[in-house]
Protein backbone atom coordinates (compact mmCIF):
# COMPACT_ATOMS: atom_id res chain seq x y z
CA GLY A 1 27.16 5.72 30.70
CA THR A 2 24.42 7.40 28.72
CA ARG A 3 24.35 10.36 26.38
CA GLN A 4 21.64 12.33 24.60
CA VAL A 5 21.00 11.74 20.91
CA ALA A 6 18.15 12.73 18.60
CA LEU A 7 15.58 9.94 18.27
CA TYR A 8 13.83 9.24 14.96
CA PRO A 9 11.09 6.56 15.12
CA LEU A 10 10.83 4.93 11.67
CA PRO A 11 8.96 1.92 10.24
CA ALA A 12 12.25 0.34 9.17
CA VAL A 13 15.33 -1.37 10.58
CA TYR A 14 18.88 -0.33 9.67
CA LEU A 15 21.80 -2.70 10.14
CA PRO A 16 25.32 -1.72 11.31
CA GLY A 17 27.79 -1.20 8.49
CA SER A 18 25.12 -0.31 5.95
CA GLN A 19 24.33 3.00 4.28
CA CYS A 20 20.89 4.40 3.67
CA VAL A 21 18.92 7.38 2.43
CA VAL A 22 16.16 8.82 4.61
CA ARG A 23 13.61 11.26 3.20
CA ASN A 24 12.51 13.87 5.74
CA ILE A 25 9.21 15.67 5.28
CA GLU A 26 8.14 16.82 8.74
CA ALA A 27 9.57 20.11 9.97
CA ARG A 28 10.94 18.55 13.16
CA ASN A 29 12.89 15.89 11.29
CA ILE A 30 14.24 18.44 8.83
CA ALA A 31 15.43 20.52 11.79
CA MET A 32 16.99 17.42 13.39
CA CYS A 33 19.12 16.67 10.35
CA ARG A 34 20.27 20.27 10.09
CA GLU A 35 21.15 20.58 13.77
CA ARG A 36 22.54 17.13 14.58
CA ALA A 37 25.44 15.04 13.30
CA GLU A 38 23.81 11.73 14.21
CA PHE A 39 20.52 10.25 15.35
CA VAL A 40 19.01 6.96 16.51
CA ALA A 41 16.60 5.25 14.14
CA ALA A 42 14.28 3.07 16.23
CA ARG A 43 11.58 0.90 14.69
CA VAL A 44 8.17 2.39 15.41
CA SER A 45 5.16 0.17 16.15
CA ALA A 46 2.30 -0.14 13.67
CA ASP A 47 0.09 2.15 15.77
CA ARG A 48 3.01 4.61 16.21
CA ALA A 49 2.46 4.48 19.97
CA SER A 50 5.93 3.17 20.83
CA CYS A 51 9.30 2.28 19.34
CA ALA A 52 11.88 -0.43 19.84
CA SER A 53 14.24 -0.11 22.78
CA VAL A 54 17.24 -1.04 20.60
CA GLY A 55 17.94 1.14 17.60
CA ALA A 56 20.60 1.88 15.00
CA LEU A 57 22.93 4.85 15.40
CA LEU A 58 23.07 6.74 12.08
CA ARG A 59 25.75 9.26 11.21
CA ILE A 60 24.55 12.00 8.86
CA ASP A 61 26.92 12.13 5.88
CA ASP A 62 25.05 14.46 3.53
CA VAL A 63 21.84 16.51 3.49
CA ARG A 64 20.35 17.92 0.29
CA PRO A 65 16.91 18.85 -1.09
CA ALA A 66 15.13 15.81 -2.49
CA PRO A 67 14.67 16.12 -6.28
CA ARG A 68 11.29 14.35 -6.30
CA ASP A 69 8.63 13.19 -3.90
CA TYR A 70 7.19 9.69 -3.86
CA SER A 71 4.49 10.56 -6.41
CA GLY A 72 7.17 11.42 -8.98
CA ARG A 73 6.25 15.11 -9.12
CA VAL A 74 9.17 17.50 -9.26
CA LEU A 75 9.34 19.58 -6.11
CA ALA A 76 9.58 23.35 -6.28
CA GLU A 77 13.18 24.53 -6.27
CA GLY A 78 14.55 27.59 -4.52
CA ALA A 79 12.33 27.25 -1.45
CA SER A 80 13.37 29.33 1.51
CA GLU A 81 14.69 27.83 4.74
CA ASN A 82 11.36 28.37 6.44
CA GLU A 83 9.27 26.75 3.77
CA ARG A 84 8.35 23.14 4.12
CA GLY A 85 10.25 20.86 1.77
CA VAL A 86 11.67 17.38 1.54
CA LEU A 87 15.25 16.53 2.44
CA GLU A 88 17.27 13.59 1.21
CA VAL A 89 19.55 12.54 4.06
CA ARG A 90 22.39 10.12 3.34
CA CYS A 91 23.55 8.21 6.40
CA SER A 92 25.97 5.53 7.54
CA VAL A 93 24.91 3.10 10.26
CA VAL A 94 27.77 3.21 12.76
CA GLY A 95 26.44 1.10 15.63
CA ARG A 96 23.65 0.07 17.96
CA VAL A 97 22.31 1.72 21.10
CA ARG A 98 19.70 1.03 23.73
CA VAL A 99 17.12 3.76 24.27
CA VAL A 100 17.02 4.29 28.03
CA ALA A 101 14.59 7.22 28.24
CA CYS A 102 13.08 9.98 26.14
CA ALA A 103 13.68 13.51 27.39
CA ASN A 104 10.72 15.12 25.60
CA LEU A 105 8.19 12.39 24.88
CA GLU A 106 5.32 14.91 24.79
CA ALA A 107 6.78 16.33 21.56
CA TRP A 108 5.78 13.17 19.68
CA ARG A 109 2.08 13.98 20.07
CA LYS A 110 2.27 17.74 19.55
CA PRO A 111 -0.02 18.78 16.66
CA GLN A 112 2.59 21.25 15.41
CA ARG A 113 5.15 18.43 14.94
CA ASP A 114 7.92 21.03 15.26
CA GLU A 115 10.12 19.46 17.94
CA TYR A 116 12.16 16.32 17.34
CA LEU A 117 12.66 13.73 20.05
CA VAL A 118 15.79 13.53 22.18
CA ALA A 119 16.65 10.31 23.99
CA ASP A 120 19.14 9.11 26.57
CA VAL A 121 20.95 6.15 25.02
CA ALA A 122 23.55 3.64 26.15
CA PRO A 123 25.93 1.51 24.09
CA TYR A 124 24.49 -1.83 22.96
CA GLU A 125 27.15 -4.40 22.18
CA ASP A 126 27.50 -8.13 21.75
CA ASP A 127 28.04 -10.18 24.91
CA GLY A 128 31.66 -9.83 25.93
CA GLU A 129 32.45 -6.81 23.75
CA GLY A 130 32.22 -4.32 26.58
CA GLU A 131 34.29 -6.52 28.88
CA ALA A 132 36.91 -7.02 26.15
CA LYS A 133 37.31 -3.28 25.65
CA ALA A 134 37.62 -2.68 29.38
CA ALA A 135 40.19 -5.45 29.66
CA ALA A 136 42.24 -3.92 26.85
CA VAL A 137 42.34 -0.56 28.62
CA GLU A 138 43.31 -2.19 31.90
CA ALA A 139 46.03 -4.23 30.20
CA ALA A 140 47.50 -1.08 28.64
CA ALA A 141 47.57 0.64 32.03
CA ALA A 142 49.29 -2.37 33.60
CA ALA A 143 51.92 -2.83 30.90
CA ALA A 144 54.53 -3.62 33.58
CA ALA A 145 52.83 -6.96 34.30
CA ILE A 146 54.35 -8.57 31.21
CA GLU A 147 54.13 -12.13 32.39
CA ALA A 148 50.49 -11.86 33.44
CA ALA A 149 49.63 -10.18 30.16
CA ALA A 150 51.32 -12.96 28.22
CA VAL A 151 49.34 -15.62 30.07
CA GLU A 152 46.13 -13.71 29.44
CA ALA A 153 46.96 -13.28 25.75
CA ALA A 154 47.62 -17.00 25.38
CA ALA A 155 44.29 -17.83 27.01
CA GLY A 156 42.54 -15.30 24.78
CA ALA A 157 44.16 -16.79 21.69
CA ALA A 158 42.95 -20.28 22.61
CA GLU A 159 39.44 -18.97 23.22
CA GLN A 160 39.49 -17.03 19.95
CA GLU A 161 40.52 -20.17 18.07
CA GLU A 162 37.54 -22.04 19.53
CA VAL A 163 35.18 -19.18 18.59
CA TRP A 164 36.63 -19.17 15.06
CA TRP A 165 35.84 -22.85 14.57
CA MET A 166 32.30 -22.36 15.89
CA GLY A 167 31.87 -19.41 13.51
CA ALA A 168 33.26 -21.39 10.59
CA ALA A 169 30.72 -24.15 11.13
CA ALA A 170 27.84 -21.64 11.19
CA ALA A 171 29.26 -19.82 8.19
CA SER A 172 29.38 -23.04 6.16
CA ASP A 173 25.77 -23.88 7.02
CA VAL A 174 24.47 -20.43 6.05
CA ALA A 175 26.51 -20.25 2.85
CA ASP A 176 25.24 -23.70 1.79
CA ALA A 177 21.66 -22.60 2.48
CA ILE A 178 22.11 -19.48 0.35
CA TYR A 179 23.47 -21.53 -2.55
CA GLN A 180 20.45 -23.84 -2.22
CA LEU A 181 18.23 -20.77 -2.41
CA ILE A 182 20.04 -19.71 -5.58
CA ASP A 183 19.34 -23.15 -7.09
CA ALA A 184 15.67 -22.85 -6.15
CA LEU A 185 15.53 -19.34 -7.62
CA LEU A 186 17.07 -20.48 -10.89
CA ALA A 187 14.59 -23.36 -11.02
CA THR A 188 11.75 -20.80 -11.20
CA ASP A 189 13.33 -19.00 -14.16
CA GLY A 190 11.17 -19.59 -17.23
CA LEU A 191 8.10 -20.67 -15.30
CA SER A 192 4.90 -18.66 -15.70
CA GLY A 193 5.11 -17.39 -12.12
CA ALA A 194 8.85 -16.84 -12.01
CA ALA A 195 8.66 -13.08 -11.68
CA ASP A 196 6.13 -13.34 -8.89
CA ALA A 197 8.05 -16.12 -7.14
CA ALA A 198 11.30 -14.21 -7.21
CA GLY A 199 9.80 -10.83 -6.48
CA ALA A 200 11.63 -9.29 -9.44
CA LYS A 201 12.05 -9.92 -13.15
CA ASP A 202 15.83 -9.71 -13.11
CA ILE A 203 16.78 -13.15 -11.82
CA ASP A 204 20.46 -12.57 -12.63
CA ALA A 205 20.61 -9.53 -10.35
CA LEU A 206 19.03 -11.46 -7.49
CA VAL A 207 21.42 -14.37 -7.99
CA GLY A 208 24.43 -12.04 -8.04
CA SER A 209 23.35 -10.39 -4.81
CA LEU A 210 22.79 -13.75 -3.12
CA GLU A 211 26.20 -14.99 -4.28
CA ARG A 212 27.78 -11.97 -2.62
CA ALA A 213 25.78 -12.71 0.55
CA ALA A 214 27.06 -16.32 0.51
CA ALA A 215 30.65 -15.11 0.16
CA LEU A 216 30.19 -12.76 3.13
CA ALA A 217 28.61 -15.58 5.15
CA GLU A 218 31.62 -17.79 4.45
CA GLU A 219 33.77 -15.03 5.95
CA ALA A 220 31.37 -14.80 8.93
CA ASP A 221 30.60 -11.19 8.01
CA TRP A 222 27.06 -11.45 9.34
CA TRP A 223 26.15 -7.78 9.17
CA GLY A 224 27.23 -7.64 5.53
CA ALA A 225 25.36 -10.84 4.64
CA LEU A 226 22.27 -9.65 6.49
CA GLU A 227 22.33 -6.33 4.65
CA LEU A 228 22.18 -8.15 1.30
CA TRP A 229 19.50 -10.51 2.60
CA GLN A 230 17.47 -7.52 3.77
CA ALA A 231 17.79 -5.99 0.29
CA HIS A 232 16.65 -9.29 -1.25
CA CYS A 233 13.57 -9.39 0.98
CA ALA A 234 12.78 -5.74 0.23
CA THR A 235 13.04 -6.46 -3.52
CA ARG A 236 10.65 -9.38 -3.16
CA GLN A 237 8.14 -7.28 -1.25
CA ALA A 238 8.47 -4.33 -3.64
CA GLY A 239 7.91 -6.62 -6.63
CA ALA A 240 4.76 -8.08 -5.11
CA ALA A 241 3.49 -4.60 -4.19
CA ALA A 242 4.14 -3.28 -7.71
CA ALA A 243 2.26 -6.20 -9.27
CA HIS A 244 -0.67 -5.55 -6.94
CA ARG A 245 -0.72 -1.82 -7.71
CA ALA A 246 -0.75 -2.49 -11.46
CA GLU A 247 -3.64 -4.93 -11.16
CA ARG A 248 -5.51 -2.55 -8.86
CA ASP A 249 -5.05 0.42 -11.19
CA GLU A 250 -6.32 -1.64 -14.12
CA LEU A 251 -9.42 -2.63 -12.16
CA LEU A 252 -10.03 0.99 -11.11
CA ILE A 253 -9.79 2.38 -14.63
CA ASP A 254 -11.90 -0.42 -16.10
CA ALA A 255 -14.63 0.17 -13.52
CA LYS A 256 -14.65 3.92 -14.20
CA LEU A 257 -14.76 3.48 -17.97
CA ARG A 258 -17.79 1.22 -17.65
CA GLN A 259 -19.57 4.04 -15.83
CA GLY A 260 -19.14 6.25 -18.88
CA GLY A 261 -18.27 9.92 -19.01
CA ALA A 262 -14.89 11.63 -18.75
CA LEU A 263 -12.12 9.70 -17.03
CA GLN A 264 -10.49 11.66 -14.22
CA ILE A 265 -7.21 10.54 -12.66
CA PRO A 266 -6.83 9.65 -9.87
CA VAL A 267 -10.06 7.65 -9.66
CA ARG A 268 -11.98 8.23 -6.45
CA GLU A 269 -13.01 4.84 -5.12
CA GLU A 270 -16.14 6.18 -3.44
CA THR A 271 -17.54 7.05 -6.86
CA LEU A 272 -17.47 3.41 -8.02
CA GLU A 273 -20.34 0.96 -7.94
CA GLN A 274 -20.64 -1.20 -4.84
CA ALA A 275 -19.74 -4.34 -6.77
CA ASP A 276 -16.53 -2.75 -8.05
CA ARG A 277 -15.58 -1.56 -4.57
CA ALA A 278 -16.12 -5.11 -3.33
CA ARG A 279 -13.80 -6.44 -6.06
CA LEU A 280 -11.15 -3.93 -4.99
CA ALA A 281 -11.46 -5.03 -1.38
CA ASP A 282 -11.16 -8.68 -2.41
CA LEU A 283 -8.09 -7.90 -4.53
CA ASP A 284 -6.44 -6.09 -1.62
CA ALA A 285 -7.20 -8.98 0.74
CA ARG A 286 -5.79 -11.58 -1.67
CA ALA A 287 -2.64 -9.50 -2.22
CA ALA A 288 -2.05 -9.14 1.51
CA ASP A 289 -2.58 -12.87 1.98
CA ALA A 290 -0.16 -13.70 -0.86
CA ILE A 291 2.58 -11.55 0.68
CA ALA A 292 1.98 -13.14 4.09
CA GLN A 293 2.18 -16.64 2.61
CA THR A 294 5.60 -15.98 1.10
CA GLY A 295 6.97 -15.81 4.62
CA VAL A 296 9.75 -13.47 3.51
CA ASP A 297 11.60 -11.87 6.42
CA ASP A 298 10.01 -8.58 7.44
CA ALA A 299 11.18 -5.77 9.70
CA SER A 300 10.58 -7.85 12.84
CA ALA A 301 13.19 -10.42 11.76
CA PHE A 302 15.79 -7.73 11.16
CA GLN A 303 14.91 -6.07 14.46
CA ALA A 304 15.68 -9.42 16.09
CA CYS A 305 19.08 -9.35 14.34
CA LEU A 306 19.69 -5.84 15.65
CA GLU A 307 18.89 -6.96 19.19
CA ALA A 308 20.88 -10.22 19.00
CA ARG A 309 23.86 -10.22 21.37
CA THR A 310 26.00 -12.83 19.57
CA PRO A 311 27.06 -13.48 15.96
CA ALA A 312 25.65 -17.01 16.32
CA GLU A 313 22.16 -15.62 16.96
CA ARG A 314 22.34 -13.45 13.84
CA ALA A 315 23.60 -16.41 11.81
CA ALA A 316 20.68 -18.52 13.03
CA ILE A 317 18.12 -15.86 12.06
CA LEU A 318 19.66 -15.53 8.60
CA LEU A 319 19.80 -19.31 8.15
CA HIS A 320 16.13 -19.69 9.09
CA GLY A 321 14.99 -17.00 6.68
CA VAL A 322 17.03 -18.31 3.77
CA GLN A 323 15.92 -21.91 4.29
CA ARG A 324 12.27 -20.90 4.49
CA GLU A 325 12.52 -18.95 1.24
CA ALA A 326 14.33 -21.81 -0.56
CA GLU A 327 11.66 -24.27 0.54
CA ARG A 328 8.87 -21.97 -0.61
CA LEU A 329 10.42 -21.48 -4.05
CA ALA A 330 10.98 -25.22 -4.42
CA ARG A 331 7.31 -25.90 -3.60
CA ARG A 332 6.25 -23.20 -6.04
CA ALA A 333 8.34 -24.66 -8.86
CA ALA A 334 7.07 -28.20 -8.18
CA LEU A 335 3.46 -27.00 -8.17
CA GLU A 336 3.78 -25.10 -11.44
CA ARG A 337 5.45 -28.05 -13.14
CA ALA A 338 2.72 -30.37 -11.89
CA LEU A 339 0.00 -28.06 -13.17
CA GLY A 340 1.77 -27.68 -16.50
CA ALA A 341 2.26 -31.42 -16.99
């Protein structure tokens, strides 16, 4: 059956078993987190015209005023309930659901942005999970059929043993791939481009996180391993973005200083010379291309994990992403050594 839950389209994917912090700015989303105990986070498209049909069900654990906004400025304290602020919402991802329909889709385009979305959702489980739960209920109701239940339990045990061996094989493959990635990551340590290749300066922290992911993979805890892999990918992307911002800011300030006069921050790009604006555009294009070439898993890969109906599918997605990253780092290390020879 279906039930109604608040719907929150977001440009991110949240995995079951993880915890997250969502910052709410719009009035409708602030109201949602004050009125509801849970909501569905569904990945919104780039043009914000639609969202994924499978989303994560988030339980709201804590709501408090956010101490700072993204610019680092301290927000005004003591704002009244009616004043617009920013909320820091701590959540636990408790499951997956399929969005069947939206009860008030017109609210998404309202200029006032004062009404949050409400959707009809249905449970979204791995293949066989729903049937297994129904069978358990039926077996409990038919407890008198002891012999039949024993036969069924024996068959289930044999099937479970087969599934365990299949999972163990996949777990070994993924864990080995993660350890190979760790070796490739360590091989970049000390090279001139190590920080860029790893996406962060703290190689030890990345290695520790990947070792934990490998341990979870060996236990076939795919959601746990994927959560750490998602964090690794986010760190890589954040590191590349930070390096680009620093280089861009340096170019902006240098261009403004060459114009002479008082330096005002932030620098308005439209006030720069055409040649400097062209250099900025080229820098942005090269940065975007560099991030694309890394091939690090983005939100679409984790959305595929969310939609996967078997642990084997999630293991395959994780394996592919880890292997691709290990191969890229190995090529990077070989290239830098060749150029340095």
